[in-house]
Amino acid sequence: MGGTMDLEEEATDGAADDGGILAMALRESGLLGPTGDEPEESTAGDEPGTDQEPAAEDTPPAEADTPPVEEAAVEEAAVEEAVAEEAAGEEAAGEEAVAEEAVAEEAVAEEAVAEEAVADETPTDDTPAEGSDEEVAPPPKPQNPYELPGDWYVIHSYSGYENKVKVNLQTRISTMHMDSAIFDVVIPMEDVVEIKGGKKVTVPKKVLPGYLLVRMYMDDDAWFTVRNTPGVTGFVGSGTKPSPLTRREVERFLGTPEEAGEETKAAPRFKPAWDVGESVRVVEGPFADFNGVIEDINLDQSKVRVLVNIFDRETPVELTFEQIVKI
C-alpha cells in the first residue's frame, strides 16, 4: 500500500514538472498568458493556434500592380484625347482661315466699290469737268440726202406696184453684187389730211405715184441692173440718157435736215376730195342742205368758196372743208 502511494506521488510530481515545462513552452509561443491562463480569443475571429496577421496600421498594404489590360486602355484613352485635341485645333485654324478669307473678300469688294465711285466722278474725255470752259461737242448733223454718194434718178413703174418694184430692185442689187454702184431705193411719201366720216384723218400718201427714186453711180452695168428689173418701165430723162435730179428737187421730195439735227417734217398737207367746178352739198352752218359749185380752194386756210343758189341767184359763200361733202 505504502509503495503504491509513493509511486503515485512520484507520478504526480513528474506530471507537475512536465506541466511546468509545457506551460513555459506555451508562454513562449504566446498561447498562454503570463498568469497561466489561456490567451484571449481573437476579436477578428481567428482560430486558436494560427498566427495572427499584423494590424493594418502597423504594416501598410502593398500597392497592387496595374494589370496590362488596364494600362492599354489608359494609353488608348490618352491617344484618343490627343487626337481629339489635334482635330479641335485644326477646326479652329480652319474657322480662322475662313474668317480671314471673308474679311479679305469684303475688303476687296469695298475697294472695287470705291474705285467705281471714283471712276464715275472722274470726267471722261467726252465729258468736260465741272467748271471747265470747254463745251460739249454737239452731235453730228444728219447729212443732206443730196450730199450723199451718187446721184438721184427717177424711175417709172406701174402705179400701185411701187413697193413690189422696190423689193425686186433691192433683191436684184444684192444678187448681182451692185452694192458699190447702187446705194438706195426710195418711195417718196408725205402725210396728207383727208376728211373721212366728217373727221380729219392723217394718212401717208405717195408724193409721186408710179415713180421711185434711186441713188446710184450711173454706168452701163448699173443702168442695165435697174432698167431690167421686173416692174420698171424706164428712167425719167430727156433723150436716151437719164438726167439726175437737182438739189432743189431732191430736197423737195426727201426733205432737208434741220439745224437741230433732225429731218424736217412738214405739217400734214390737206388733200381735198373735190376740185374746182365740182358740185358739193353744204352739211353744216346756216346754209346746211344747200347745194353749190366750188369756185375756189384755199389749201393754206383749209377753206373753199362755194357758189350757193339762194333765191335763184348764185351767192358766193366761204366755207371750211368740214362743212361740205361731194355729191
C-alpha atoms as a PDB file:
ATOM      1  CA  MET A   1       0.000   0.000   0.000  1.00  0.00           C
ATOM      2  CA  GLY A   2       2.709   2.314   1.098  1.00  0.00           C
ATOM      3  CA  GLY A   3       4.677   1.569  -2.032  1.00  0.00           C
ATOM      4  CA  THR A   4       1.794   2.300  -4.266  1.00  0.00           C
ATOM      5  CA  MET A   5       1.169   5.776  -2.800  1.00  0.00           C
ATOM      6  CA  ASP A   6       4.818   6.619  -3.261  1.00  0.00           C
ATOM      7  CA  LEU A   7       4.603   5.737  -6.903  1.00  0.00           C
ATOM      8  CA  GLU A   8       1.526   7.955  -7.347  1.00  0.00           C
ATOM      9  CA  GLU A   9       3.226  10.885  -5.675  1.00  0.00           C
ATOM     10  CA  GLU A  10       6.258  10.497  -7.919  1.00  0.00           C
ATOM     11  CA  ALA A  11       3.999  10.366 -10.937  1.00  0.00           C
ATOM     12  CA  THR A  12       2.169  13.427  -9.725  1.00  0.00           C
ATOM     13  CA  ASP A  13       5.410  15.313  -9.195  1.00  0.00           C
ATOM     14  CA  GLY A  14       6.665  14.237 -12.607  1.00  0.00           C
ATOM     15  CA  ALA A  15       3.452  15.400 -14.193  1.00  0.00           C
ATOM     16  CA  ALA A  16       3.753  18.694 -12.416  1.00  0.00           C
ATOM     17  CA  ASP A  17       7.283  19.108 -13.672  1.00  0.00           C
ATOM     18  CA  ASP A  18       6.135  18.171 -17.134  1.00  0.00           C
ATOM     19  CA  GLY A  19       3.215  20.604 -16.845  1.00  0.00           C
ATOM     20  CA  GLY A  20       5.561  23.402 -15.883  1.00  0.00           C
ATOM     21  CA  ILE A  21       7.733  22.793 -18.852  1.00  0.00           C
ATOM     22  CA  LEU A  22       4.686  22.724 -21.125  1.00  0.00           C
ATOM     23  CA  ALA A  23       3.380  25.947 -19.645  1.00  0.00           C
ATOM     24  CA  MET A  24       6.680  27.642 -20.256  1.00  0.00           C
ATOM     25  CA  ALA A  25       6.658  26.489 -23.836  1.00  0.00           C
ATOM     26  CA  LEU A  26       3.125  27.796 -24.334  1.00  0.00           C
ATOM     27  CA  ARG A  27       4.018  31.152 -22.830  1.00  0.00           C
ATOM     28  CA  GLU A  28       6.973  31.488 -25.155  1.00  0.00           C
ATOM     29  CA  SER A  29       4.775  30.718 -28.125  1.00  0.00           C
ATOM     30  CA  GLY A  30       2.162  33.238 -26.954  1.00  0.00           C
ATOM     31  CA  LEU A  31      -0.568  30.666 -26.446  1.00  0.00           C
ATOM     32  CA  LEU A  32      -0.605  31.119 -22.677  1.00  0.00           C
ATOM     33  CA  GLY A  33      -0.811  34.323 -20.766  1.00  0.00           C
ATOM     34  CA  PRO A  34       1.711  35.319 -18.130  1.00  0.00           C
ATOM     35  CA  THR A  35      -0.653  34.303 -15.368  1.00  0.00           C
ATOM     36  CA  GLY A  36      -1.044  30.839 -16.677  1.00  0.00           C
ATOM     37  CA  ASP A  37      -4.469  31.461 -18.221  1.00  0.00           C
ATOM     38  CA  GLU A  38      -5.198  30.706 -21.859  1.00  0.00           C
ATOM     39  CA  PRO A  39      -4.889  33.631 -24.184  1.00  0.00           C
ATOM     40  CA  GLU A  40      -7.974  35.575 -25.031  1.00  0.00           C
ATOM     41  CA  GLU A  41      -9.843  34.690 -28.216  1.00  0.00           C
ATOM     42  CA  SER A  42      -9.114  36.959 -31.125  1.00  0.00           C
ATOM     43  CA  THR A  43     -11.803  39.550 -31.883  1.00  0.00           C
ATOM     44  CA  ALA A  44     -11.078  39.115 -35.552  1.00  0.00           C
ATOM     45  CA  GLY A  45     -12.476  35.533 -35.359  1.00  0.00           C
ATOM     46  CA  ASP A  46      -9.140  33.800 -35.971  1.00  0.00           C
ATOM     47  CA  GLU A  47      -8.966  30.209 -34.824  1.00  0.00           C
ATOM     48  CA  PRO A  48      -6.649  29.383 -31.967  1.00  0.00           C
ATOM     49  CA  GLY A  49      -3.277  28.027 -32.888  1.00  0.00           C
ATOM     50  CA  THR A  50      -2.952  30.195 -36.095  1.00  0.00           C
ATOM     51  CA  ASP A  51      -0.558  33.098 -36.470  1.00  0.00           C
ATOM     52  CA  GLN A  52      -2.277  36.422 -36.046  1.00  0.00           C
ATOM     53  CA  GLU A  53      -1.863  38.777 -39.069  1.00  0.00           C
ATOM     54  CA  PRO A  54      -0.246  42.102 -38.294  1.00  0.00           C
ATOM     55  CA  ALA A  55      -2.545  45.110 -37.959  1.00  0.00           C
ATOM     56  CA  ALA A  56      -3.165  47.234 -40.987  1.00  0.00           C
ATOM     57  CA  GLU A  57      -1.880  50.323 -39.199  1.00  0.00           C
ATOM     58  CA  ASP A  58       1.442  48.731 -38.405  1.00  0.00           C
ATOM     59  CA  THR A  59       2.193  47.352 -41.901  1.00  0.00           C
ATOM     60  CA  PRO A  60       0.811  49.271 -44.866  1.00  0.00           C
ATOM     61  CA  PRO A  61      -0.549  47.034 -47.614  1.00  0.00           C
ATOM     62  CA  ALA A  62       1.475  46.804 -50.746  1.00  0.00           C
ATOM     63  CA  GLU A  63       0.031  48.532 -53.764  1.00  0.00           C
ATOM     64  CA  ALA A  64      -1.415  46.112 -56.271  1.00  0.00           C
ATOM     65  CA  ASP A  65       0.214  46.102 -59.616  1.00  0.00           C
ATOM     66  CA  THR A  66      -1.929  47.521 -62.576  1.00  0.00           C
ATOM     67  CA  PRO A  67      -2.965  44.765 -64.922  1.00  0.00           C
ATOM     68  CA  PRO A  68      -1.661  45.071 -68.534  1.00  0.00           C
ATOM     69  CA  VAL A  69      -5.208  45.393 -69.945  1.00  0.00           C
ATOM     70  CA  GLU A  70      -5.908  48.476 -67.849  1.00  0.00           C
ATOM     71  CA  GLU A  71      -2.606  50.045 -68.925  1.00  0.00           C
ATOM     72  CA  ALA A  72      -3.509  49.555 -72.628  1.00  0.00           C
ATOM     73  CA  ALA A  73      -6.930  51.125 -72.062  1.00  0.00           C
ATOM     74  CA  VAL A  74      -5.325  54.128 -70.354  1.00  0.00           C
ATOM     75  CA  GLU A  75      -2.852  54.588 -73.207  1.00  0.00           C
ATOM     76  CA  GLU A  76      -5.619  54.286 -75.824  1.00  0.00           C
ATOM     77  CA  ALA A  77      -7.720  56.896 -73.992  1.00  0.00           C
ATOM     78  CA  ALA A  78      -4.708  59.197 -73.872  1.00  0.00           C
ATOM     79  CA  VAL A  79      -4.137  58.766 -77.634  1.00  0.00           C
ATOM     80  CA  GLU A  80      -7.805  59.436 -78.409  1.00  0.00           C
ATOM     81  CA  GLU A  81      -7.711  62.556 -76.258  1.00  0.00           C
ATOM     82  CA  ALA A  82      -4.608  63.779 -78.091  1.00  0.00           C
ATOM     83  CA  VAL A  83      -6.257  63.124 -81.480  1.00  0.00           C
ATOM     84  CA  ALA A  84      -9.410  64.982 -80.377  1.00  0.00           C
ATOM     85  CA  GLU A  85      -7.345  67.955 -79.217  1.00  0.00           C
ATOM     86  CA  GLU A  86      -5.463  67.995 -82.543  1.00  0.00           C
ATOM     87  CA  ALA A  87      -8.740  67.843 -84.519  1.00  0.00           C
ATOM     88  CA  ALA A  88     -10.174  70.671 -82.432  1.00  0.00           C
ATOM     89  CA  GLY A  89      -7.048  72.720 -83.119  1.00  0.00           C
ATOM     90  CA  GLU A  90      -7.305  72.092 -86.882  1.00  0.00           C
ATOM     91  CA  GLU A  91     -11.008  73.011 -86.875  1.00  0.00           C
ATOM     92  CA  ALA A  92     -10.270  76.235 -85.026  1.00  0.00           C
ATOM     93  CA  ALA A  93      -7.496  77.024 -87.506  1.00  0.00           C
ATOM     94  CA  GLY A  94      -9.879  76.358 -90.421  1.00  0.00           C
ATOM     95  CA  GLU A  95     -12.506  78.664 -88.968  1.00  0.00           C
ATOM     96  CA  GLU A  96      -9.897  81.375 -88.517  1.00  0.00           C
ATOM     97  CA  ALA A  97      -8.778  80.929 -92.147  1.00  0.00           C
ATOM     98  CA  VAL A  98     -12.392  81.187 -93.386  1.00  0.00           C
ATOM     99  CA  ALA A  99     -12.937  84.314 -91.313  1.00  0.00           C
ATOM    100  CA  GLU A 100      -9.746  85.872 -92.667  1.00  0.00           C
ATOM    101  CA  GLU A 101     -10.764  84.997 -96.237  1.00  0.00           C
ATOM    102  CA  ALA A 102     -14.212  86.571 -95.723  1.00  0.00           C
ATOM    103  CA  VAL A 103     -12.600  89.720 -94.334  1.00  0.00           C
ATOM    104  CA  ALA A 104     -10.243  89.853 -97.338  1.00  0.00           C
ATOM    105  CA  GLU A 105     -13.122  89.434 -99.813  1.00  0.00           C
ATOM    106  CA  GLU A 106     -15.093  92.167 -98.078  1.00  0.00           C
ATOM    107  CA  ALA A 107     -12.091  94.470 -98.253  1.00  0.00           C
ATOM    108  CA  VAL A 108     -11.660  93.753-101.983  1.00  0.00           C
ATOM    109  CA  ALA A 109     -15.375  94.433-102.619  1.00  0.00           C
ATOM    110  CA  GLU A 110     -15.202  97.736-100.730  1.00  0.00           C
ATOM    111  CA  GLU A 111     -12.120  98.709-102.698  1.00  0.00           C
ATOM    112  CA  ALA A 112     -13.866  97.890-106.004  1.00  0.00           C
ATOM    113  CA  VAL A 113     -16.903  99.980-104.997  1.00  0.00           C
ATOM    114  CA  ALA A 114     -14.629 102.866-104.061  1.00  0.00           C
ATOM    115  CA  GLU A 115     -12.774 102.648-107.387  1.00  0.00           C
ATOM    116  CA  GLU A 116     -16.079 102.560-109.285  1.00  0.00           C
ATOM    117  CA  ALA A 117     -17.308 105.631-107.420  1.00  0.00           C
ATOM    118  CA  VAL A 118     -14.072 107.435-108.232  1.00  0.00           C
ATOM    119  CA  ALA A 119     -14.370 106.413-111.885  1.00  0.00           C
ATOM    120  CA  ASP A 120     -17.939 107.745-112.005  1.00  0.00           C
ATOM    121  CA  GLU A 121     -16.834 111.042-110.534  1.00  0.00           C
ATOM    122  CA  THR A 122     -13.814 111.316-112.832  1.00  0.00           C
ATOM    123  CA  PRO A 123     -14.776 113.169-116.033  1.00  0.00           C
ATOM    124  CA  THR A 124     -14.165 111.265-119.244  1.00  0.00           C
ATOM    125  CA  ASP A 125     -12.615 112.623-122.388  1.00  0.00           C
ATOM    126  CA  ASP A 126     -16.040 113.195-123.905  1.00  0.00           C
ATOM    127  CA  THR A 127     -17.464 114.924-120.823  1.00  0.00           C
ATOM    128  CA  PRO A 128     -15.725 118.104-119.691  1.00  0.00           C
ATOM    129  CA  ALA A 129     -15.022 118.558-115.996  1.00  0.00           C
ATOM    130  CA  GLU A 130     -17.231 120.802-113.915  1.00  0.00           C
ATOM    131  CA  GLY A 131     -16.275 124.418-114.146  1.00  0.00           C
ATOM    132  CA  SER A 132     -14.467 123.845-117.439  1.00  0.00           C
ATOM    133  CA  ASP A 133     -14.976 126.345-120.228  1.00  0.00           C
ATOM    134  CA  GLU A 134     -14.935 123.550-122.783  1.00  0.00           C
ATOM    135  CA  GLU A 135     -18.377 122.886-124.211  1.00  0.00           C
ATOM    136  CA  VAL A 136     -19.770 119.504-125.119  1.00  0.00           C
ATOM    137  CA  ALA A 137     -19.431 118.872-128.816  1.00  0.00           C
ATOM    138  CA  PRO A 138     -22.845 118.756-130.465  1.00  0.00           C
ATOM    139  CA  PRO A 139     -23.839 115.532-132.194  1.00  0.00           C
ATOM    140  CA  PRO A 140     -23.117 115.422-135.904  1.00  0.00           C
ATOM    141  CA  LYS A 141     -25.861 116.817-138.065  1.00  0.00           C
ATOM    142  CA  PRO A 142     -27.638 114.451-140.434  1.00  0.00           C
ATOM    143  CA  GLN A 143     -26.324 114.747-143.908  1.00  0.00           C
ATOM    144  CA  ASN A 144     -28.368 116.291-146.661  1.00  0.00           C
ATOM    145  CA  PRO A 145     -29.606 113.497-148.957  1.00  0.00           C
ATOM    146  CA  TYR A 146     -28.242 115.414-151.958  1.00  0.00           C
ATOM    147  CA  GLU A 147     -24.720 115.311-150.469  1.00  0.00           C
ATOM    148  CA  LEU A 148     -24.650 111.525-150.177  1.00  0.00           C
ATOM    149  CA  PRO A 149     -22.540 109.499-152.656  1.00  0.00           C
ATOM    150  CA  GLY A 150     -24.054 109.104-156.108  1.00  0.00           C
ATOM    151  CA  ASP A 151     -26.825 110.946-157.933  1.00  0.00           C
ATOM    152  CA  TRP A 152     -30.584 110.655-157.579  1.00  0.00           C
ATOM    153  CA  TYR A 153     -32.522 109.340-160.556  1.00  0.00           C
ATOM    154  CA  VAL A 154     -36.249 108.818-161.109  1.00  0.00           C
ATOM    155  CA  ILE A 155     -37.553 105.537-162.489  1.00  0.00           C
ATOM    156  CA  HIS A 156     -41.074 104.877-163.671  1.00  0.00           C
ATOM    157  CA  SER A 157     -43.167 101.849-162.689  1.00  0.00           C
ATOM    158  CA  TYR A 158     -46.753 100.756-162.816  1.00  0.00           C
ATOM    159  CA  SER A 159     -48.936 102.746-160.444  1.00  0.00           C
ATOM    160  CA  GLY A 160     -49.790 100.771-157.343  1.00  0.00           C
ATOM    161  CA  TYR A 161     -46.766  98.493-157.732  1.00  0.00           C
ATOM    162  CA  GLU A 162     -44.152 100.812-156.273  1.00  0.00           C
ATOM    163  CA  ASN A 163     -43.480  98.690-153.166  1.00  0.00           C
ATOM    164  CA  LYS A 164     -43.143  95.493-155.180  1.00  0.00           C
ATOM    165  CA  VAL A 165     -40.763  97.147-157.642  1.00  0.00           C
ATOM    166  CA  LYS A 166     -38.652  98.408-154.712  1.00  0.00           C
ATOM    167  CA  VAL A 167     -38.322  94.889-153.293  1.00  0.00           C
ATOM    168  CA  ASN A 168     -37.457  93.442-156.721  1.00  0.00           C
ATOM    169  CA  LEU A 169     -34.780  96.067-157.309  1.00  0.00           C
ATOM    170  CA  GLN A 170     -33.183  95.590-153.876  1.00  0.00           C
ATOM    171  CA  THR A 171     -33.060  91.829-154.422  1.00  0.00           C
ATOM    172  CA  ARG A 172     -31.509  92.302-157.862  1.00  0.00           C
ATOM    173  CA  ILE A 173     -28.856  94.662-156.488  1.00  0.00           C
ATOM    174  CA  SER A 174     -27.856  92.077-153.853  1.00  0.00           C
ATOM    175  CA  THR A 175     -27.745  89.069-156.186  1.00  0.00           C
ATOM    176  CA  MET A 176     -25.794  90.935-158.885  1.00  0.00           C
ATOM    177  CA  HIS A 177     -23.371  92.452-156.311  1.00  0.00           C
ATOM    178  CA  MET A 178     -24.077  96.011-157.359  1.00  0.00           C
ATOM    179  CA  ASP A 179     -23.976  97.438-153.822  1.00  0.00           C
ATOM    180  CA  SER A 180     -20.943  99.556-154.699  1.00  0.00           C
ATOM    181  CA  ALA A 181     -22.789 101.355-157.508  1.00  0.00           C
ATOM    182  CA  ILE A 182     -26.468 101.382-156.474  1.00  0.00           C
ATOM    183  CA  PHE A 183     -26.954 102.605-152.895  1.00  0.00           C
ATOM    184  CA  ASP A 184     -30.592 103.348-152.135  1.00  0.00           C
ATOM    185  CA  VAL A 185     -34.150 102.987-153.421  1.00  0.00           C
ATOM    186  CA  VAL A 186     -36.780 105.354-152.012  1.00  0.00           C
ATOM    187  CA  ILE A 187     -40.525 105.828-152.475  1.00  0.00           C
ATOM    188  CA  PRO A 188     -41.196 109.487-151.556  1.00  0.00           C
ATOM    189  CA  MET A 189     -44.035 109.730-149.012  1.00  0.00           C
ATOM    190  CA  GLU A 190     -45.894 112.552-147.295  1.00  0.00           C
ATOM    191  CA  ASP A 191     -48.619 112.888-144.671  1.00  0.00           C
ATOM    192  CA  VAL A 192     -51.935 114.049-146.063  1.00  0.00           C
ATOM    193  CA  VAL A 193     -55.051 115.128-144.172  1.00  0.00           C
ATOM    194  CA  GLU A 194     -58.286 113.773-145.553  1.00  0.00           C
ATOM    195  CA  ILE A 195     -61.884 114.140-144.458  1.00  0.00           C
ATOM    196  CA  LYS A 196     -63.357 110.752-143.579  1.00  0.00           C
ATOM    197  CA  GLY A 197     -66.687 110.465-141.814  1.00  0.00           C
ATOM    198  CA  GLY A 198     -66.699 114.187-141.102  1.00  0.00           C
ATOM    199  CA  LYS A 199     -63.324 113.973-139.306  1.00  0.00           C
ATOM    200  CA  LYS A 200     -59.809 114.881-140.361  1.00  0.00           C
ATOM    201  CA  VAL A 201     -57.561 111.874-140.682  1.00  0.00           C
ATOM    202  CA  THR A 202     -53.824 111.947-141.412  1.00  0.00           C
ATOM    203  CA  VAL A 203     -52.760 109.257-143.853  1.00  0.00           C
ATOM    204  CA  PRO A 204     -49.451 108.621-145.669  1.00  0.00           C
ATOM    205  CA  LYS A 205     -49.577 109.195-149.404  1.00  0.00           C
ATOM    206  CA  LYS A 206     -47.070 108.788-152.219  1.00  0.00           C
ATOM    207  CA  VAL A 207     -45.653 112.080-153.424  1.00  0.00           C
ATOM    208  CA  LEU A 208     -45.067 110.694-156.922  1.00  0.00           C
ATOM    209  CA  PRO A 209     -47.474 107.831-157.575  1.00  0.00           C
ATOM    210  CA  GLY A 210     -45.902 105.443-160.074  1.00  0.00           C
ATOM    211  CA  TYR A 211     -42.316 106.709-159.504  1.00  0.00           C
ATOM    212  CA  LEU A 212     -39.318 105.750-157.375  1.00  0.00           C
ATOM    213  CA  LEU A 213     -36.008 107.497-156.588  1.00  0.00           C
ATOM    214  CA  VAL A 214     -32.714 105.628-156.943  1.00  0.00           C
ATOM    215  CA  ARG A 215     -29.342 106.896-155.664  1.00  0.00           C
ATOM    216  CA  MET A 216     -26.567 105.433-157.807  1.00  0.00           C
ATOM    217  CA  TYR A 217     -23.454 105.955-159.902  1.00  0.00           C
ATOM    218  CA  MET A 218     -24.663 105.804-163.470  1.00  0.00           C
ATOM    219  CA  ASP A 219     -22.750 103.423-165.718  1.00  0.00           C
ATOM    220  CA  ASP A 220     -23.707 100.691-168.148  1.00  0.00           C
ATOM    221  CA  ASP A 221     -23.884  97.916-165.533  1.00  0.00           C
ATOM    222  CA  ALA A 222     -25.921  99.990-163.085  1.00  0.00           C
ATOM    223  CA  TRP A 223     -28.258 101.154-165.853  1.00  0.00           C
ATOM    224  CA  PHE A 224     -28.742  97.548-167.031  1.00  0.00           C
ATOM    225  CA  THR A 225     -29.435  96.311-163.482  1.00  0.00           C
ATOM    226  CA  VAL A 226     -32.145  98.931-162.839  1.00  0.00           C
ATOM    227  CA  ARG A 227     -33.694  99.006-166.287  1.00  0.00           C
ATOM    228  CA  ASN A 228     -34.209  95.231-166.451  1.00  0.00           C
ATOM    229  CA  THR A 229     -35.809  94.940-163.013  1.00  0.00           C
ATOM    230  CA  PRO A 230     -39.349  93.487-163.247  1.00  0.00           C
ATOM    231  CA  GLY A 231     -41.907  96.300-162.980  1.00  0.00           C
ATOM    232  CA  VAL A 232     -39.557  99.091-164.093  1.00  0.00           C
ATOM    233  CA  THR A 233     -40.655 100.728-167.354  1.00  0.00           C
ATOM    234  CA  GLY A 234     -37.706 103.100-167.720  1.00  0.00           C
ATOM    235  CA  PHE A 235     -35.750 106.101-166.436  1.00  0.00           C
ATOM    236  CA  VAL A 236     -37.141 109.621-166.477  1.00  0.00           C
ATOM    237  CA  GLY A 237     -34.985 111.997-168.510  1.00  0.00           C
ATOM    238  CA  SER A 238     -34.560 113.794-171.800  1.00  0.00           C
ATOM    239  CA  GLY A 239     -33.480 111.590-174.638  1.00  0.00           C
ATOM    240  CA  THR A 240     -31.852 108.246-174.073  1.00  0.00           C
ATOM    241  CA  LYS A 241     -29.624 109.383-171.217  1.00  0.00           C
ATOM    242  CA  PRO A 242     -31.254 109.648-167.762  1.00  0.00           C
ATOM    243  CA  SER A 243     -30.988 113.034-166.057  1.00  0.00           C
ATOM    244  CA  PRO A 244     -30.201 113.256-162.300  1.00  0.00           C
ATOM    245  CA  LEU A 245     -32.358 115.381-160.032  1.00  0.00           C
ATOM    246  CA  THR A 246     -31.243 118.805-158.950  1.00  0.00           C
ATOM    247  CA  ARG A 247     -30.546 119.705-155.328  1.00  0.00           C
ATOM    248  CA  ARG A 248     -33.839 121.567-155.062  1.00  0.00           C
ATOM    249  CA  GLU A 249     -35.799 118.607-156.384  1.00  0.00           C
ATOM    250  CA  VAL A 250     -34.077 116.163-154.019  1.00  0.00           C
ATOM    251  CA  GLU A 251     -34.772 118.368-151.009  1.00  0.00           C
ATOM    252  CA  ARG A 252     -38.363 118.816-152.125  1.00  0.00           C
ATOM    253  CA  PHE A 253     -39.020 115.097-152.366  1.00  0.00           C
ATOM    254  CA  LEU A 254     -36.856 113.850-149.454  1.00  0.00           C
ATOM    255  CA  GLY A 255     -36.749 116.874-147.157  1.00  0.00           C
ATOM    256  CA  THR A 256     -33.798 118.729-145.615  1.00  0.00           C
ATOM    257  CA  PRO A 257     -32.220 118.319-142.175  1.00  0.00           C
ATOM    258  CA  GLU A 258     -32.881 120.955-139.540  1.00  0.00           C
ATOM    259  CA  GLU A 259     -30.069 122.724-137.760  1.00  0.00           C
ATOM    260  CA  ALA A 260     -31.072 120.857-134.583  1.00  0.00           C
ATOM    261  CA  GLY A 261     -30.053 117.604-136.238  1.00  0.00           C
ATOM    262  CA  GLU A 262     -33.433 116.118-137.222  1.00  0.00           C
ATOM    263  CA  GLU A 263     -35.038 115.862-140.602  1.00  0.00           C
ATOM    264  CA  THR A 264     -37.610 118.454-141.368  1.00  0.00           C
ATOM    265  CA  LYS A 265     -41.100 117.142-141.248  1.00  0.00           C
ATOM    266  CA  ALA A 266     -43.618 119.411-142.836  1.00  0.00           C
ATOM    267  CA  ALA A 267     -47.105 119.713-141.464  1.00  0.00           C
ATOM    268  CA  PRO A 268     -49.543 117.265-142.986  1.00  0.00           C
ATOM    269  CA  ARG A 269     -50.908 118.587-146.246  1.00  0.00           C
ATOM    270  CA  PHE A 270     -54.624 118.568-146.829  1.00  0.00           C
ATOM    271  CA  LYS A 271     -55.721 116.737-149.905  1.00  0.00           C
ATOM    272  CA  PRO A 272     -59.282 117.643-150.844  1.00  0.00           C
ATOM    273  CA  ALA A 273     -61.581 115.042-152.273  1.00  0.00           C
ATOM    274  CA  TRP A 274     -63.017 117.533-154.785  1.00  0.00           C
ATOM    275  CA  ASP A 275     -61.750 120.025-157.343  1.00  0.00           C
ATOM    276  CA  VAL A 276     -62.783 123.425-158.597  1.00  0.00           C
ATOM    277  CA  GLY A 277     -66.027 123.237-160.603  1.00  0.00           C
ATOM    278  CA  GLU A 278     -67.383 120.192-158.811  1.00  0.00           C
ATOM    279  CA  SER A 279     -70.793 120.220-157.134  1.00  0.00           C
ATOM    280  CA  VAL A 280     -70.932 119.859-153.364  1.00  0.00           C
ATOM    281  CA  ARG A 281     -73.552 119.945-150.650  1.00  0.00           C
ATOM    282  CA  VAL A 282     -73.347 122.048-147.503  1.00  0.00           C
ATOM    283  CA  VAL A 283     -73.803 119.907-144.355  1.00  0.00           C
ATOM    284  CA  GLU A 284     -73.133 122.422-141.563  1.00  0.00           C
ATOM    285  CA  GLY A 285     -73.806 126.046-140.797  1.00  0.00           C
ATOM    286  CA  PRO A 286     -76.611 128.423-141.836  1.00  0.00           C
ATOM    287  CA  PHE A 287     -76.512 127.139-145.415  1.00  0.00           C
ATOM    288  CA  ALA A 288     -76.936 123.487-144.500  1.00  0.00           C
ATOM    289  CA  ASP A 289     -78.672 121.322-147.141  1.00  0.00           C
ATOM    290  CA  PHE A 290     -77.859 123.867-149.869  1.00  0.00           C
ATOM    291  CA  ASN A 291     -76.068 122.711-152.978  1.00  0.00           C
ATOM    292  CA  GLY A 292     -73.356 124.682-154.723  1.00  0.00           C
ATOM    293  CA  VAL A 293     -70.377 124.627-157.029  1.00  0.00           C
ATOM    294  CA  ILE A 294     -66.788 125.057-155.837  1.00  0.00           C
ATOM    295  CA  GLU A 295     -65.367 128.281-157.169  1.00  0.00           C
ATOM    296  CA  ASP A 296     -62.011 128.380-155.326  1.00  0.00           C
ATOM    297  CA  ILE A 297     -59.961 126.249-152.932  1.00  0.00           C
ATOM    298  CA  ASN A 298     -57.610 127.765-150.337  1.00  0.00           C
ATOM    299  CA  LEU A 299     -55.385 124.945-149.018  1.00  0.00           C
ATOM    300  CA  ASP A 300     -53.434 127.197-146.668  1.00  0.00           C
ATOM    301  CA  GLN A 301     -56.564 128.238-144.751  1.00  0.00           C
ATOM    302  CA  SER A 302     -58.458 124.971-145.378  1.00  0.00           C
ATOM    303  CA  LYS A 303     -61.398 126.880-146.868  1.00  0.00           C
ATOM    304  CA  VAL A 304     -63.405 126.842-150.085  1.00  0.00           C
ATOM    305  CA  ARG A 305     -65.577 129.392-151.828  1.00  0.00           C
ATOM    306  CA  VAL A 306     -68.838 127.867-152.996  1.00  0.00           C
ATOM    307  CA  LEU A 307     -71.485 129.449-155.197  1.00  0.00           C
ATOM    308  CA  VAL A 308     -74.744 128.661-153.454  1.00  0.00           C
ATOM    309  CA  ASN A 309     -78.091 129.151-155.227  1.00  0.00           C
ATOM    310  CA  ILE A 310     -80.162 131.375-152.960  1.00  0.00           C
ATOM    311  CA  PHE A 311     -83.455 132.647-154.356  1.00  0.00           C
ATOM    312  CA  ASP A 312     -82.397 131.663-157.836  1.00  0.00           C
ATOM    313  CA  ARG A 313     -79.244 133.693-157.508  1.00  0.00           C
ATOM    314  CA  GLU A 314     -75.717 132.273-157.125  1.00  0.00           C
ATOM    315  CA  THR A 315     -74.215 133.746-153.987  1.00  0.00           C
ATOM    316  CA  PRO A 316     -70.524 133.091-153.082  1.00  0.00           C
ATOM    317  CA  VAL A 317     -70.190 131.605-149.595  1.00  0.00           C
ATOM    318  CA  GLU A 318     -66.926 130.843-147.799  1.00  0.00           C
ATOM    319  CA  LEU A 319     -66.968 127.504-146.016  1.00  0.00           C
ATOM    320  CA  THR A 320     -64.487 125.179-144.324  1.00  0.00           C
ATOM    321  CA  PHE A 321     -63.538 121.801-145.657  1.00  0.00           C
ATOM    322  CA  GLU A 322     -65.585 120.082-142.944  1.00  0.00           C
ATOM    323  CA  GLN A 323     -68.786 121.891-143.994  1.00  0.00           C
ATOM    324  CA  ILE A 324     -69.100 120.368-147.454  1.00  0.00           C
ATOM    325  CA  VAL A 325     -69.260 116.916-148.994  1.00  0.00           C
ATOM    326  CA  LYS A 326     -69.029 115.761-152.547  1.00  0.00           C
ATOM    327  CA  ILE A 327     -72.357 115.000-154.234  1.00  0.00           C
END
